[in-house]
Amino acid sequence: MPWLQVYDPLNSQFLSTLVAALPIVVLLGLLGWGRVSAHVAAAAGLITALVAAILVFHMPVTTALAAAADGAGYGLFPIGWIVVMAIFLYALTVETGQFEIVKRSVASLSPDRRIQALLIAFSFGAFVEGAAGFGTPVAISSALLIGAGFPPLQAAGMALIANTAPVAFGALGTPIKVLADTSGLDEMLLSQMAGRQLPFFSLLIPAWMICTMSGWRALRGVWPAVLVCGGVFAVVQFYTSNYLGARLVDVAAGLASLIALTLFVRVWKPRDVWRFADEAAIADIPVAKADSRAAVISAWFPWALLSVCVFAWGLQDV
């Protein structure tokens, strides 16, 4: 006989909702305030969920254990292998020194800190969100910004703000896919609805990021670059999510924004180069040796190949 869930087992919507929320409260509480390891917090959340399901919502023990096993399997495939392979690709490029070339190719486009923040935190961070997700874009973007000379706290703040735009689609559209699988709603429909809401925020977030870092007056000095960066990202985000699906949204929008802004700053420069107050003047900074075009292409090739594979994977006939 199938088990039918009772949504208000305590005859009180408030108490039943409170019990149902306990696993999330335990997980986030241990991570945020308890400062325990992620795997310990996750295990505690799982145990709390099992206890609440069996004792309060009267789920059969075998059904509860089967649901936990199904969730663990789904966490490994497809989420787990996406994370492992994306981190493997990143680690491989770091070990071979190619990621340093990627960092230099992005950071050397402009000495202006506002332009660097747009390129690294917003455009490149969105690309990494689509390729790897799960916290890696904030970590990688922060490391890139710190390596380029940003103060650590400033770098982390810029990376976190910038990650607001692409995070809904995550690594290869995983959040949308998980939502579709758990809710029973059509994945393409969810992608389209998210893609019709987020472009407005994607257009504003680069401006908010620069304003937070340098103030309104400094924002006025780079508004054309902000418009190109956010505008291209928003347009590609809308088109990809509505016509190609969720898997390629962040990869395509991030790359398009990165390329568009790169080309734009080659023909347009801000009137004043904005740097942090305690930094040396531009003339006092040693010029790093430029990488050859072949080296830059070679360093970016694995990420370009990943984008092509993801695009092919997202096609209906593949």
Protein backbone atom coordinates (compact mmCIF):
# COMPACT_ATOMS: atom_id res chain seq x y z
CA MET A 1 0.00 0.00 0.00
CA PRO A 2 1.54 3.36 -1.03
CA TRP A 3 2.29 5.90 1.66
CA LEU A 4 0.35 9.17 1.41
CA GLN A 5 2.03 12.16 3.00
CA VAL A 6 0.08 14.13 5.59
CA TYR A 7 1.15 17.76 5.33
CA ASP A 8 -0.12 18.80 8.77
CA PRO A 9 0.56 15.86 11.10
CA LEU A 10 0.59 18.04 14.24
CA ASN A 11 -2.75 19.71 13.42
CA SER A 12 -0.95 23.04 13.45
CA GLN A 13 0.41 24.56 10.28
CA PHE A 14 3.01 26.52 12.23
CA LEU A 15 4.36 23.53 14.17
CA SER A 16 4.27 21.21 11.15
CA THR A 17 6.13 23.79 9.06
CA LEU A 18 8.66 24.28 11.86
CA VAL A 19 9.38 20.54 12.04
CA ALA A 20 9.65 20.30 8.25
CA ALA A 21 12.17 23.15 8.27
CA LEU A 22 14.35 21.60 10.99
CA PRO A 23 16.78 19.82 8.60
CA ILE A 24 17.52 23.09 6.81
CA VAL A 25 17.84 24.98 10.10
CA VAL A 26 20.27 22.37 11.43
CA LEU A 27 22.33 22.36 8.23
CA LEU A 28 22.62 26.13 7.89
CA GLY A 29 22.98 26.65 11.63
CA LEU A 30 25.93 24.27 11.87
CA LEU A 31 27.56 25.79 8.79
CA GLY A 32 26.98 29.43 9.73
CA TRP A 33 27.16 29.51 13.51
CA GLY A 34 28.59 26.15 14.50
CA ARG A 35 31.48 26.49 12.02
CA VAL A 36 31.57 22.71 11.53
CA SER A 37 32.72 20.92 8.40
CA ALA A 38 30.27 20.74 5.50
CA HIS A 39 30.06 16.93 5.51
CA VAL A 40 29.33 16.87 9.25
CA ALA A 41 26.60 19.52 8.87
CA ALA A 42 25.11 17.62 5.92
CA ALA A 43 25.06 14.36 7.90
CA ALA A 44 23.36 16.10 10.82
CA GLY A 45 20.78 17.58 8.46
CA LEU A 46 20.13 14.15 6.93
CA ILE A 47 19.65 12.52 10.35
CA THR A 48 17.29 15.32 11.37
CA ALA A 49 15.28 14.86 8.17
CA LEU A 50 15.01 11.09 8.71
CA VAL A 51 13.89 11.51 12.32
CA ALA A 52 11.29 14.14 11.40
CA ALA A 53 10.00 12.09 8.46
CA ILE A 54 9.68 8.84 10.42
CA LEU A 55 8.51 10.07 13.84
CA VAL A 56 6.44 13.13 12.93
CA PHE A 57 5.27 12.63 9.34
CA HIS A 58 4.97 8.83 9.83
CA MET A 59 6.91 7.90 6.71
CA PRO A 60 7.72 4.16 6.66
CA VAL A 61 11.33 3.47 7.60
CA THR A 62 12.07 1.64 4.34
CA THR A 63 10.60 4.51 2.31
CA ALA A 64 12.62 7.08 4.24
CA LEU A 65 15.86 5.15 3.78
CA ALA A 66 15.09 4.61 0.09
CA ALA A 67 14.46 8.34 -0.35
CA ALA A 68 17.78 9.12 1.35
CA ALA A 69 19.58 6.64 -0.90
CA ASP A 70 17.90 8.14 -3.97
CA GLY A 71 19.02 11.61 -2.91
CA ALA A 72 22.57 10.41 -2.34
CA GLY A 73 22.62 8.79 -5.77
CA TYR A 74 21.32 11.94 -7.39
CA GLY A 75 23.96 13.94 -5.55
CA LEU A 76 26.66 11.74 -7.09
CA PHE A 77 25.10 11.60 -10.58
CA PRO A 78 24.76 14.09 -12.17
CA ILE A 79 25.80 16.71 -9.59
CA GLY A 80 28.86 14.93 -8.25
CA TRP A 81 30.53 14.14 -11.54
CA ILE A 82 29.92 17.68 -12.82
CA VAL A 83 31.72 19.14 -9.81
CA VAL A 84 34.56 16.60 -9.85
CA MET A 85 35.25 16.97 -13.57
CA ALA A 86 35.04 20.77 -13.49
CA ILE A 87 37.43 20.96 -10.54
CA PHE A 88 39.69 18.42 -12.26
CA LEU A 89 39.86 20.65 -15.35
CA TYR A 90 40.61 23.69 -13.20
CA ALA A 91 43.28 21.83 -11.19
CA LEU A 92 44.85 20.51 -14.40
CA THR A 93 45.17 24.01 -15.86
CA VAL A 94 46.65 25.25 -12.57
CA GLU A 95 49.23 22.45 -12.40
CA THR A 96 50.32 23.01 -16.01
CA GLY A 97 50.59 26.77 -15.50
CA GLN A 98 47.91 27.51 -18.08
CA PHE A 99 45.59 29.14 -15.57
CA GLU A 100 48.23 31.76 -14.81
CA ILE A 101 48.12 32.72 -18.49
CA VAL A 102 44.32 32.90 -18.29
CA LYS A 103 44.64 35.20 -15.27
CA ARG A 104 47.17 37.46 -16.99
CA SER A 105 45.19 37.59 -20.22
CA VAL A 106 42.17 38.90 -18.33
CA ALA A 107 43.91 41.19 -15.83
CA SER A 108 46.26 42.80 -18.37
CA LEU A 109 43.49 44.22 -20.54
CA SER A 110 43.21 47.38 -18.45
CA PRO A 111 45.04 48.87 -15.43
CA ASP A 112 41.74 50.35 -14.22
CA ARG A 113 40.45 48.42 -11.21
CA ARG A 114 36.83 48.99 -12.25
CA ILE A 115 37.39 47.34 -15.63
CA GLN A 116 39.31 44.49 -14.00
CA ALA A 117 36.44 43.90 -11.58
CA LEU A 118 33.96 43.72 -14.47
CA LEU A 119 36.16 41.35 -16.47
CA ILE A 120 37.19 39.02 -13.65
CA ALA A 121 34.42 39.10 -11.05
CA PHE A 122 31.41 39.48 -13.34
CA SER A 123 32.17 38.10 -16.82
CA PHE A 124 34.80 35.47 -16.03
CA GLY A 125 33.08 34.61 -12.74
CA ALA A 126 29.83 33.92 -14.58
CA PHE A 127 31.68 31.67 -17.01
CA VAL A 128 33.21 29.68 -14.13
CA GLU A 129 29.78 29.48 -12.49
CA GLY A 130 28.42 27.85 -15.62
CA ALA A 131 31.40 25.53 -16.01
CA ALA A 132 31.90 24.47 -12.38
CA GLY A 133 29.48 26.19 -9.99
CA PHE A 134 29.08 25.11 -6.36
CA GLY A 135 31.17 27.93 -4.88
CA THR A 136 34.11 27.65 -7.26
CA PRO A 137 33.43 30.93 -9.14
CA VAL A 138 33.61 33.00 -5.95
CA ALA A 139 36.81 31.25 -4.87
CA ILE A 140 38.46 31.48 -8.29
CA SER A 141 37.36 35.06 -8.99
CA SER A 142 38.54 36.16 -5.55
CA ALA A 143 41.91 34.51 -6.13
CA LEU A 144 42.19 36.19 -9.53
CA LEU A 145 41.37 39.61 -8.10
CA ILE A 146 43.80 39.18 -5.20
CA GLY A 147 46.46 38.06 -7.66
CA ALA A 148 45.77 41.18 -9.70
CA GLY A 149 46.32 43.36 -6.62
CA PHE A 150 42.87 43.76 -5.04
CA PRO A 151 42.63 43.80 -1.22
CA PRO A 152 41.33 40.37 -0.06
CA LEU A 153 38.12 41.69 1.54
CA GLN A 154 37.36 43.82 -1.51
CA ALA A 155 38.03 40.88 -3.83
CA ALA A 156 35.70 38.57 -1.91
CA GLY A 157 32.96 41.19 -1.84
CA MET A 158 33.16 41.84 -5.58
CA ALA A 159 33.09 38.11 -6.36
CA LEU A 160 30.05 37.52 -4.16
CA ILE A 161 28.09 40.45 -5.59
CA ALA A 162 28.93 39.49 -9.18
CA ASN A 163 27.84 35.89 -8.61
CA THR A 164 24.26 37.06 -8.05
CA ALA A 165 23.56 37.19 -11.79
CA PRO A 166 24.54 33.67 -12.93
CA VAL A 167 23.96 31.59 -9.80
CA ALA A 168 20.36 30.58 -10.62
CA PHE A 169 21.57 28.44 -13.54
CA GLY A 170 24.68 27.16 -11.78
CA ALA A 171 26.96 24.44 -13.11
CA LEU A 172 25.61 23.39 -16.50
CA GLY A 173 22.07 24.28 -15.45
CA THR A 174 22.10 21.90 -12.48
CA PRO A 175 19.78 24.00 -10.21
CA ILE A 176 17.15 24.19 -12.95
CA LYS A 177 17.43 20.46 -13.67
CA VAL A 178 17.14 19.55 -9.98
CA LEU A 179 14.10 21.81 -9.61
CA ALA A 180 12.49 20.22 -12.67
CA ASP A 181 13.13 16.69 -11.43
CA THR A 182 11.86 17.32 -7.91
CA SER A 183 8.83 19.43 -8.86
CA GLY A 184 7.75 17.55 -11.98
CA LEU A 185 7.69 20.80 -13.96
CA ASP A 186 9.14 21.04 -17.45
CA GLU A 187 12.85 21.91 -17.38
CA MET A 188 12.65 24.13 -20.45
CA LEU A 189 9.71 26.03 -18.98
CA LEU A 190 11.63 26.68 -15.76
CA SER A 191 14.64 27.81 -17.77
CA GLN A 192 12.49 30.23 -19.75
CA MET A 193 10.82 31.70 -16.66
CA ALA A 194 14.16 32.24 -14.92
CA GLY A 195 15.61 33.65 -18.13
CA ARG A 196 12.85 36.25 -18.38
CA GLN A 197 13.35 37.56 -14.85
CA LEU A 198 17.12 37.55 -14.37
CA PRO A 199 18.28 39.74 -17.31
CA PHE A 200 16.96 42.86 -15.57
CA PHE A 201 19.13 42.09 -12.54
CA SER A 202 22.06 41.09 -14.75
CA LEU A 203 21.98 44.56 -16.27
CA LEU A 204 22.05 46.25 -12.87
CA ILE A 205 24.51 44.08 -10.93
CA PRO A 206 27.70 45.31 -12.69
CA ALA A 207 26.73 48.90 -11.83
CA TRP A 208 25.95 47.95 -8.24
CA MET A 209 29.28 46.12 -7.98
CA ILE A 210 31.31 49.09 -9.22
CA CYS A 211 29.36 51.52 -7.07
CA THR A 212 30.00 49.38 -4.00
CA MET A 213 33.71 49.28 -4.74
CA SER A 214 34.38 52.85 -5.84
CA GLY A 215 31.25 54.99 -5.37
CA TRP A 216 28.77 56.71 -7.70
CA ARG A 217 31.26 59.22 -9.06
CA ALA A 218 33.66 56.48 -10.16
CA LEU A 219 30.74 54.56 -11.67
CA ARG A 220 29.99 57.48 -13.99
CA GLY A 221 33.50 57.18 -15.41
CA VAL A 222 32.94 53.63 -16.69
CA TRP A 223 29.22 53.54 -17.43
CA PRO A 224 29.79 52.58 -21.12
CA ALA A 225 31.81 49.53 -20.04
CA VAL A 226 29.21 48.64 -17.41
CA LEU A 227 26.47 48.86 -20.04
CA VAL A 228 28.37 46.66 -22.49
CA CYS A 229 29.26 44.11 -19.82
CA GLY A 230 25.81 43.81 -18.27
CA GLY A 231 23.86 44.38 -21.48
CA VAL A 232 25.57 41.66 -23.49
CA PHE A 233 25.31 39.24 -20.57
CA ALA A 234 21.59 39.98 -20.13
CA VAL A 235 20.78 39.56 -23.83
CA VAL A 236 22.68 36.27 -24.18
CA GLN A 237 21.26 35.03 -20.88
CA PHE A 238 17.73 35.71 -22.12
CA TYR A 239 18.25 34.12 -25.53
CA THR A 240 20.07 31.02 -24.31
CA SER A 241 17.66 30.27 -21.47
CA ASN A 242 14.60 30.71 -23.68
CA TYR A 243 15.72 28.95 -26.85
CA LEU A 244 18.63 26.61 -26.00
CA GLY A 245 17.90 25.51 -22.43
CA ALA A 246 19.49 25.96 -19.03
CA ARG A 247 22.74 24.04 -19.47
CA LEU A 248 24.67 26.61 -21.50
CA VAL A 249 23.25 29.86 -20.09
CA ASP A 250 26.09 30.98 -17.82
CA VAL A 251 28.85 29.62 -20.04
CA ALA A 252 27.50 31.41 -23.12
CA ALA A 253 26.54 34.64 -21.35
CA GLY A 254 29.80 34.82 -19.42
CA LEU A 255 31.95 34.23 -22.50
CA ALA A 256 29.92 36.66 -24.60
CA SER A 257 30.22 39.36 -21.93
CA LEU A 258 33.95 38.69 -21.53
CA ILE A 259 34.62 38.88 -25.28
CA ALA A 260 32.42 41.95 -25.78
CA LEU A 261 34.03 43.87 -22.92
CA THR A 262 37.52 42.82 -24.06
CA LEU A 263 36.89 44.17 -27.56
CA PHE A 264 35.23 47.30 -26.17
CA VAL A 265 38.12 48.32 -23.89
CA ARG A 266 40.51 48.01 -26.83
CA VAL A 267 38.77 50.96 -28.50
CA TRP A 268 37.48 52.82 -25.41
CA LYS A 269 39.37 53.85 -22.29
CA PRO A 270 38.06 55.57 -19.15
CA ARG A 271 39.20 59.17 -18.83
CA ASP A 272 40.85 58.52 -15.46
CA VAL A 273 42.43 55.26 -14.34
CA TRP A 274 40.87 54.35 -10.99
CA ARG A 275 43.08 52.55 -8.47
CA PHE A 276 42.82 51.93 -4.73
CA ALA A 277 43.99 54.78 -2.51
CA ASP A 278 47.03 52.95 -1.13
CA GLU A 279 48.27 51.66 -4.50
CA ALA A 280 51.36 52.81 -6.35
CA ALA A 281 50.98 55.01 -9.39
CA ILE A 282 50.65 53.24 -12.73
CA ALA A 283 54.08 54.43 -13.84
CA ASP A 284 55.69 52.77 -10.80
CA ILE A 285 54.23 49.32 -11.48
CA PRO A 286 56.56 46.97 -13.39
CA VAL A 287 55.16 45.77 -16.70
CA ALA A 288 54.82 42.00 -16.88
CA LYS A 289 56.00 40.18 -19.95
CA ALA A 290 53.08 39.68 -22.31
CA ASP A 291 52.13 36.14 -23.27
CA SER A 292 52.11 35.23 -26.93
CA ARG A 293 48.82 34.87 -28.76
CA ALA A 294 49.48 31.14 -29.18
CA ALA A 295 50.00 30.75 -25.42
CA VAL A 296 46.77 32.58 -24.64
CA ILE A 297 44.81 30.48 -27.14
CA SER A 298 46.32 27.30 -25.73
CA ALA A 299 45.42 28.32 -22.17
CA TRP A 300 41.83 29.11 -23.08
CA PHE A 301 41.36 26.07 -25.34
CA PRO A 302 40.22 23.60 -22.62
CA TRP A 303 37.53 26.02 -21.47
CA ALA A 304 36.44 26.68 -25.06
CA LEU A 305 36.27 22.92 -25.67
CA LEU A 306 34.16 22.55 -22.54
CA SER A 307 31.75 25.19 -23.89
CA VAL A 308 31.43 23.38 -27.22
CA CYS A 309 30.76 20.06 -25.47
CA VAL A 310 28.14 21.62 -23.21
CA PHE A 311 26.47 23.24 -26.21
CA ALA A 312 26.35 19.89 -28.05
CA TRP A 313 25.04 18.19 -24.91
CA GLY A 314 22.19 20.68 -24.67
CA LEU A 315 20.93 20.05 -28.20
CA GLN A 316 17.70 18.07 -28.40
CA ASP A 317 18.99 15.55 -30.96
CA VAL A 318 22.19 14.67 -29.08
